[in-house]
Amino acid sequence: MNVAERLAQGNLFESIPDDIDQEMFTELLAGQTVSVKRIVSKGHTSPESGWYDQEDNEWVIVLKGEGKIAFEDDSITHLVPGRYINIPAHTRHKVVWTSRRSETIWLAIHYN
């Protein structure tokens, strides 16, 4: 087996079912101080009650589709392909909208 065959590899745009009942979270990489996840949404939002209040910082980019993230101060960020945001630890936020027409594929990096 050569080096390329031994390395973890894949395609962020594959292995997505046609019908997505719930948001899909796939961990792509994890270390002591960082984790990388692919998130796939299609009309999904965060639960109505509560906010994400994470221990780690989160850098997130939309690769396909679009979504809106709201913050506790009522500000909203609209992310489209290529747009990213860095959310510091304990910044309360939630996803308030994702497109129902096509999948929204996010890449999220959690780090401390």
N, C-alpha and C. Protein backbone atom coordinates (compact mmCIF):
# COMPACT_ATOMS: atom_id res chain seq x y z
N MET A 1 0.85 -1.19 0.00
CA MET A 1 0.00 0.00 0.00
C MET A 1 0.89 1.24 0.00
N ASN A 2 0.63 2.17 -0.93
CA ASN A 2 1.45 3.38 -0.99
C ASN A 2 0.91 4.43 -0.01
N VAL A 3 1.64 5.52 0.12
CA VAL A 3 1.29 6.56 1.09
C VAL A 3 -0.10 7.12 0.82
N ALA A 4 -0.42 7.43 -0.43
CA ALA A 4 -1.73 8.01 -0.75
C ALA A 4 -2.88 7.10 -0.35
N GLU A 5 -2.71 5.80 -0.46
CA GLU A 5 -3.75 4.86 -0.08
C GLU A 5 -3.94 4.79 1.43
N ARG A 6 -2.92 5.13 2.20
CA ARG A 6 -3.00 5.07 3.67
C ARG A 6 -3.56 6.36 4.29
N LEU A 7 -3.58 7.43 3.54
CA LEU A 7 -4.02 8.71 4.08
C LEU A 7 -5.54 8.81 4.10
N ALA A 8 -6.08 9.46 5.12
CA ALA A 8 -7.52 9.71 5.18
C ALA A 8 -7.86 10.72 4.09
N GLN A 9 -8.81 10.36 3.25
CA GLN A 9 -9.21 11.26 2.18
C GLN A 9 -10.66 11.03 1.83
N GLY A 10 -11.26 11.99 1.19
CA GLY A 10 -12.66 11.88 0.80
C GLY A 10 -13.06 13.08 -0.02
N ASN A 11 -14.38 13.25 -0.19
CA ASN A 11 -14.91 14.36 -0.95
C ASN A 11 -16.06 14.97 -0.15
N LEU A 12 -15.96 16.24 0.17
CA LEU A 12 -16.97 16.91 0.99
C LEU A 12 -18.35 16.97 0.35
N PHE A 13 -18.41 16.78 -0.97
CA PHE A 13 -19.67 16.90 -1.69
C PHE A 13 -20.31 15.54 -1.99
N GLU A 14 -19.72 14.47 -1.50
CA GLU A 14 -20.27 13.12 -1.73
C GLU A 14 -20.87 12.55 -0.46
N SER A 15 -21.56 11.43 -0.61
CA SER A 15 -22.18 10.70 0.51
C SER A 15 -23.23 11.53 1.23
N ILE A 16 -24.02 12.25 0.45
CA ILE A 16 -25.12 13.05 1.01
C ILE A 16 -26.42 12.44 0.49
N PRO A 17 -27.28 11.94 1.38
CA PRO A 17 -28.55 11.35 0.93
C PRO A 17 -29.46 12.40 0.29
N ASP A 18 -30.37 11.94 -0.56
CA ASP A 18 -31.32 12.85 -1.21
C ASP A 18 -32.25 13.51 -0.19
N ASP A 19 -32.75 12.73 0.76
CA ASP A 19 -33.61 13.27 1.82
C ASP A 19 -32.83 13.34 3.12
N ILE A 20 -32.79 14.52 3.68
CA ILE A 20 -32.07 14.72 4.94
C ILE A 20 -33.10 15.11 6.00
N ASP A 21 -33.45 14.16 6.88
CA ASP A 21 -34.43 14.44 7.94
C ASP A 21 -33.86 15.37 9.00
N GLN A 22 -32.57 15.17 9.30
CA GLN A 22 -31.90 15.97 10.32
C GLN A 22 -30.58 16.46 9.75
N GLU A 23 -30.07 17.52 10.33
CA GLU A 23 -28.76 17.99 9.92
C GLU A 23 -27.76 16.86 10.07
N MET A 24 -26.81 16.78 9.15
CA MET A 24 -25.78 15.75 9.19
C MET A 24 -24.48 16.36 9.71
N PHE A 25 -23.88 15.71 10.70
CA PHE A 25 -22.59 16.13 11.23
C PHE A 25 -21.60 14.99 11.01
N THR A 26 -20.52 15.27 10.29
CA THR A 26 -19.51 14.25 10.02
C THR A 26 -18.16 14.79 10.50
N GLU A 27 -17.57 14.11 11.47
CA GLU A 27 -16.25 14.52 11.93
C GLU A 27 -15.21 14.04 10.93
N LEU A 28 -14.42 14.97 10.43
CA LEU A 28 -13.41 14.66 9.41
C LEU A 28 -12.03 14.51 10.02
N LEU A 29 -11.80 15.20 11.13
CA LEU A 29 -10.48 15.21 11.76
C LEU A 29 -10.65 15.63 13.21
N ALA A 30 -9.90 15.00 14.10
CA ALA A 30 -9.95 15.39 15.51
C ALA A 30 -8.56 15.26 16.12
N GLY A 31 -8.19 16.26 16.88
CA GLY A 31 -6.93 16.25 17.60
C GLY A 31 -7.18 16.76 19.01
N GLN A 32 -6.12 17.00 19.75
CA GLN A 32 -6.28 17.46 21.13
C GLN A 32 -6.87 18.85 21.22
N THR A 33 -6.55 19.71 20.28
CA THR A 33 -7.01 21.10 20.37
C THR A 33 -7.82 21.56 19.16
N VAL A 34 -8.14 20.64 18.25
CA VAL A 34 -8.88 21.03 17.05
C VAL A 34 -9.75 19.88 16.56
N SER A 35 -10.91 20.21 16.00
CA SER A 35 -11.72 19.22 15.30
C SER A 35 -12.31 19.89 14.06
N VAL A 36 -12.46 19.10 13.01
CA VAL A 36 -13.00 19.59 11.75
C VAL A 36 -14.23 18.76 11.42
N LYS A 37 -15.34 19.44 11.14
CA LYS A 37 -16.59 18.74 10.85
C LYS A 37 -17.21 19.28 9.57
N ARG A 38 -17.84 18.36 8.82
CA ARG A 38 -18.70 18.76 7.71
C ARG A 38 -20.12 18.74 8.26
N ILE A 39 -20.86 19.80 8.00
CA ILE A 39 -22.26 19.88 8.41
C ILE A 39 -23.08 20.08 7.14
N VAL A 40 -24.14 19.29 7.01
CA VAL A 40 -25.03 19.42 5.85
C VAL A 40 -26.42 19.75 6.36
N SER A 41 -26.97 20.86 5.87
CA SER A 41 -28.31 21.33 6.25
C SER A 41 -29.15 21.46 4.99
N LYS A 42 -30.44 21.31 5.13
CA LYS A 42 -31.36 21.58 4.03
C LYS A 42 -32.68 22.04 4.66
N GLY A 43 -32.75 23.34 4.91
CA GLY A 43 -33.90 23.89 5.59
C GLY A 43 -33.83 23.72 7.10
N HIS A 44 -32.74 23.21 7.61
CA HIS A 44 -32.62 22.98 9.06
C HIS A 44 -32.15 24.24 9.77
N THR A 45 -32.56 24.37 11.01
CA THR A 45 -32.14 25.46 11.87
C THR A 45 -31.81 24.89 13.25
N SER A 46 -31.25 25.73 14.09
CA SER A 46 -31.01 25.33 15.48
C SER A 46 -32.36 25.21 16.19
N PRO A 47 -32.41 24.48 17.29
CA PRO A 47 -33.67 24.40 18.05
C PRO A 47 -34.14 25.81 18.45
N GLU A 48 -35.45 26.00 18.49
CA GLU A 48 -36.04 27.31 18.81
C GLU A 48 -35.54 27.85 20.15
N SER A 49 -35.47 26.98 21.14
CA SER A 49 -35.03 27.44 22.46
C SER A 49 -33.54 27.16 22.63
N GLY A 50 -32.86 28.09 23.21
CA GLY A 50 -31.46 27.89 23.51
C GLY A 50 -30.51 28.40 22.44
N TRP A 51 -29.28 28.51 22.83
CA TRP A 51 -28.21 29.01 21.99
C TRP A 51 -27.03 28.05 22.06
N TYR A 52 -26.22 28.03 21.01
CA TYR A 52 -24.92 27.37 21.11
C TYR A 52 -24.05 28.29 21.95
N ASP A 53 -23.42 27.73 22.97
CA ASP A 53 -22.49 28.46 23.85
C ASP A 53 -21.32 27.51 24.07
N GLN A 54 -20.41 27.51 23.11
CA GLN A 54 -19.37 26.50 23.05
C GLN A 54 -18.11 26.87 23.82
N GLU A 55 -17.45 25.85 24.33
CA GLU A 55 -16.19 26.02 25.06
C GLU A 55 -15.06 26.43 24.12
N ASP A 56 -15.14 26.02 22.86
CA ASP A 56 -14.08 26.28 21.89
C ASP A 56 -14.49 27.38 20.92
N ASN A 57 -13.50 27.97 20.27
CA ASN A 57 -13.73 28.88 19.16
C ASN A 57 -14.22 28.06 17.98
N GLU A 58 -14.97 28.69 17.07
CA GLU A 58 -15.45 27.99 15.89
C GLU A 58 -15.25 28.87 14.66
N TRP A 59 -14.50 28.34 13.69
CA TRP A 59 -14.35 28.99 12.39
C TRP A 59 -15.21 28.19 11.43
N VAL A 60 -16.11 28.86 10.71
CA VAL A 60 -17.03 28.14 9.84
C VAL A 60 -17.09 28.84 8.48
N ILE A 61 -17.17 28.02 7.43
CA ILE A 61 -17.29 28.53 6.06
C ILE A 61 -18.40 27.75 5.36
N VAL A 62 -19.15 28.43 4.52
CA VAL A 62 -20.15 27.76 3.68
C VAL A 62 -19.48 27.44 2.35
N LEU A 63 -19.54 26.16 1.98
CA LEU A 63 -18.96 25.70 0.72
C LEU A 63 -19.99 25.64 -0.40
N LYS A 64 -21.25 25.38 -0.02
CA LYS A 64 -22.35 25.28 -0.98
C LYS A 64 -23.63 25.68 -0.27
N GLY A 65 -24.55 26.33 -0.98
CA GLY A 65 -25.82 26.74 -0.37
C GLY A 65 -25.66 28.05 0.37
N GLU A 66 -26.51 28.25 1.37
CA GLU A 66 -26.43 29.47 2.17
C GLU A 66 -27.16 29.28 3.50
N GLY A 67 -26.77 30.08 4.47
CA GLY A 67 -27.39 30.02 5.78
C GLY A 67 -27.21 31.32 6.53
N LYS A 68 -28.02 31.50 7.58
CA LYS A 68 -27.94 32.69 8.41
C LYS A 68 -27.70 32.28 9.86
N ILE A 69 -26.76 32.96 10.49
CA ILE A 69 -26.44 32.73 11.89
C ILE A 69 -26.82 33.99 12.67
N ALA A 70 -27.61 33.80 13.74
CA ALA A 70 -28.01 34.91 14.60
C ALA A 70 -27.19 34.87 15.88
N PHE A 71 -26.99 36.05 16.44
CA PHE A 71 -26.25 36.19 17.68
C PHE A 71 -27.15 36.79 18.75
N GLU A 72 -26.75 36.64 19.98
CA GLU A 72 -27.57 37.06 21.11
C GLU A 72 -27.92 38.55 21.07
N ASP A 73 -27.09 39.36 20.42
CA ASP A 73 -27.38 40.80 20.35
C ASP A 73 -28.33 41.14 19.20
N ASP A 74 -28.97 40.13 18.60
CA ASP A 74 -29.92 40.28 17.49
C ASP A 74 -29.27 40.55 16.14
N SER A 75 -27.95 40.52 16.04
CA SER A 75 -27.31 40.67 14.73
C SER A 75 -27.36 39.33 14.00
N ILE A 76 -27.36 39.40 12.68
CA ILE A 76 -27.43 38.19 11.85
C ILE A 76 -26.37 38.28 10.77
N THR A 77 -25.69 37.17 10.52
CA THR A 77 -24.70 37.06 9.44
C THR A 77 -25.23 36.09 8.41
N HIS A 78 -25.23 36.52 7.14
CA HIS A 78 -25.69 35.69 6.03
C HIS A 78 -24.45 35.13 5.34
N LEU A 79 -24.33 33.80 5.36
CA LEU A 79 -23.17 33.16 4.75
C LEU A 79 -23.57 32.51 3.43
N VAL A 80 -22.78 32.77 2.40
CA VAL A 80 -22.94 32.20 1.07
C VAL A 80 -21.63 31.51 0.72
N PRO A 81 -21.56 30.75 -0.37
CA PRO A 81 -20.33 30.02 -0.68
C PRO A 81 -19.08 30.92 -0.65
N GLY A 82 -18.10 30.46 0.10
CA GLY A 82 -16.85 31.18 0.24
C GLY A 82 -16.79 32.13 1.41
N ARG A 83 -17.93 32.47 1.98
CA ARG A 83 -17.97 33.40 3.12
C ARG A 83 -17.75 32.62 4.41
N TYR A 84 -16.91 33.16 5.27
CA TYR A 84 -16.62 32.49 6.54
C TYR A 84 -16.74 33.47 7.69
N ILE A 85 -16.79 32.90 8.89
CA ILE A 85 -16.88 33.70 10.11
C ILE A 85 -16.13 32.96 11.21
N ASN A 86 -15.50 33.71 12.08
CA ASN A 86 -14.83 33.14 13.25
C ASN A 86 -15.66 33.53 14.48
N ILE A 87 -16.13 32.53 15.20
CA ILE A 87 -16.99 32.77 16.36
C ILE A 87 -16.20 32.43 17.63
N PRO A 88 -15.84 33.43 18.43
CA PRO A 88 -15.08 33.16 19.64
C PRO A 88 -15.86 32.28 20.63
N ALA A 89 -15.13 31.56 21.44
CA ALA A 89 -15.74 30.72 22.48
C ALA A 89 -16.73 31.54 23.30
N HIS A 90 -17.82 30.92 23.68
CA HIS A 90 -18.88 31.50 24.52
C HIS A 90 -19.61 32.68 23.86
N THR A 91 -19.53 32.79 22.54
CA THR A 91 -20.35 33.75 21.81
C THR A 91 -21.64 33.03 21.45
N ARG A 92 -22.71 33.41 22.09
CA ARG A 92 -23.98 32.70 21.91
C ARG A 92 -24.54 32.97 20.51
N HIS A 93 -24.85 31.86 19.81
CA HIS A 93 -25.30 31.96 18.42
C HIS A 93 -26.18 30.77 18.07
N LYS A 94 -26.89 30.90 16.93
CA LYS A 94 -27.69 29.78 16.43
C LYS A 94 -27.95 29.98 14.94
N VAL A 95 -28.19 28.88 14.25
CA VAL A 95 -28.55 28.92 12.84
C VAL A 95 -30.04 29.18 12.76
N VAL A 96 -30.42 30.28 12.09
CA VAL A 96 -31.83 30.65 12.02
C VAL A 96 -32.45 30.38 10.65
N TRP A 97 -31.61 30.06 9.65
CA TRP A 97 -32.15 29.78 8.32
C TRP A 97 -31.09 29.09 7.47
N THR A 98 -31.53 28.06 6.73
CA THR A 98 -30.73 27.48 5.66
C THR A 98 -31.67 27.23 4.49
N SER A 99 -31.11 27.23 3.31
CA SER A 99 -31.90 27.05 2.09
C SER A 99 -32.59 25.70 2.08
N ARG A 100 -33.84 25.68 1.64
CA ARG A 100 -34.58 24.42 1.46
C ARG A 100 -34.42 23.89 0.04
N ARG A 101 -33.96 24.74 -0.88
CA ARG A 101 -33.84 24.36 -2.29
C ARG A 101 -32.69 23.40 -2.55
N SER A 102 -31.61 23.58 -1.84
CA SER A 102 -30.45 22.69 -2.01
C SER A 102 -29.71 22.59 -0.68
N GLU A 103 -28.83 21.63 -0.60
CA GLU A 103 -28.06 21.44 0.63
C GLU A 103 -27.16 22.64 0.89
N THR A 104 -27.00 22.95 2.15
CA THR A 104 -25.97 23.88 2.58
C THR A 104 -24.87 23.03 3.21
N ILE A 105 -23.69 23.13 2.67
CA ILE A 105 -22.54 22.38 3.19
C ILE A 105 -21.61 23.36 3.88
N TRP A 106 -21.44 23.13 5.16
CA TRP A 106 -20.58 23.96 6.01
C TRP A 106 -19.32 23.15 6.35
N LEU A 107 -18.22 23.84 6.54
CA LEU A 107 -17.02 23.25 7.11
C LEU A 107 -16.76 24.01 8.40
N ALA A 108 -16.77 23.30 9.52
CA ALA A 108 -16.61 23.94 10.83
C ALA A 108 -15.33 23.43 11.49
N ILE A 109 -14.52 24.35 11.93
CA ILE A 109 -13.28 24.02 12.65
C ILE A 109 -13.42 24.55 14.06
N HIS A 110 -13.42 23.64 15.04
CA HIS A 110 -13.46 24.01 16.45
C HIS A 110 -12.04 23.92 16.99
N TYR A 111 -11.62 24.97 17.68
CA TYR A 111 -10.25 25.00 18.20
C TYR A 111 -10.22 25.79 19.51
N ASN A 112 -9.16 25.55 20.28
CA ASN A 112 -9.00 26.34 21.50
C ASN A 112 -7.63 26.97 21.55
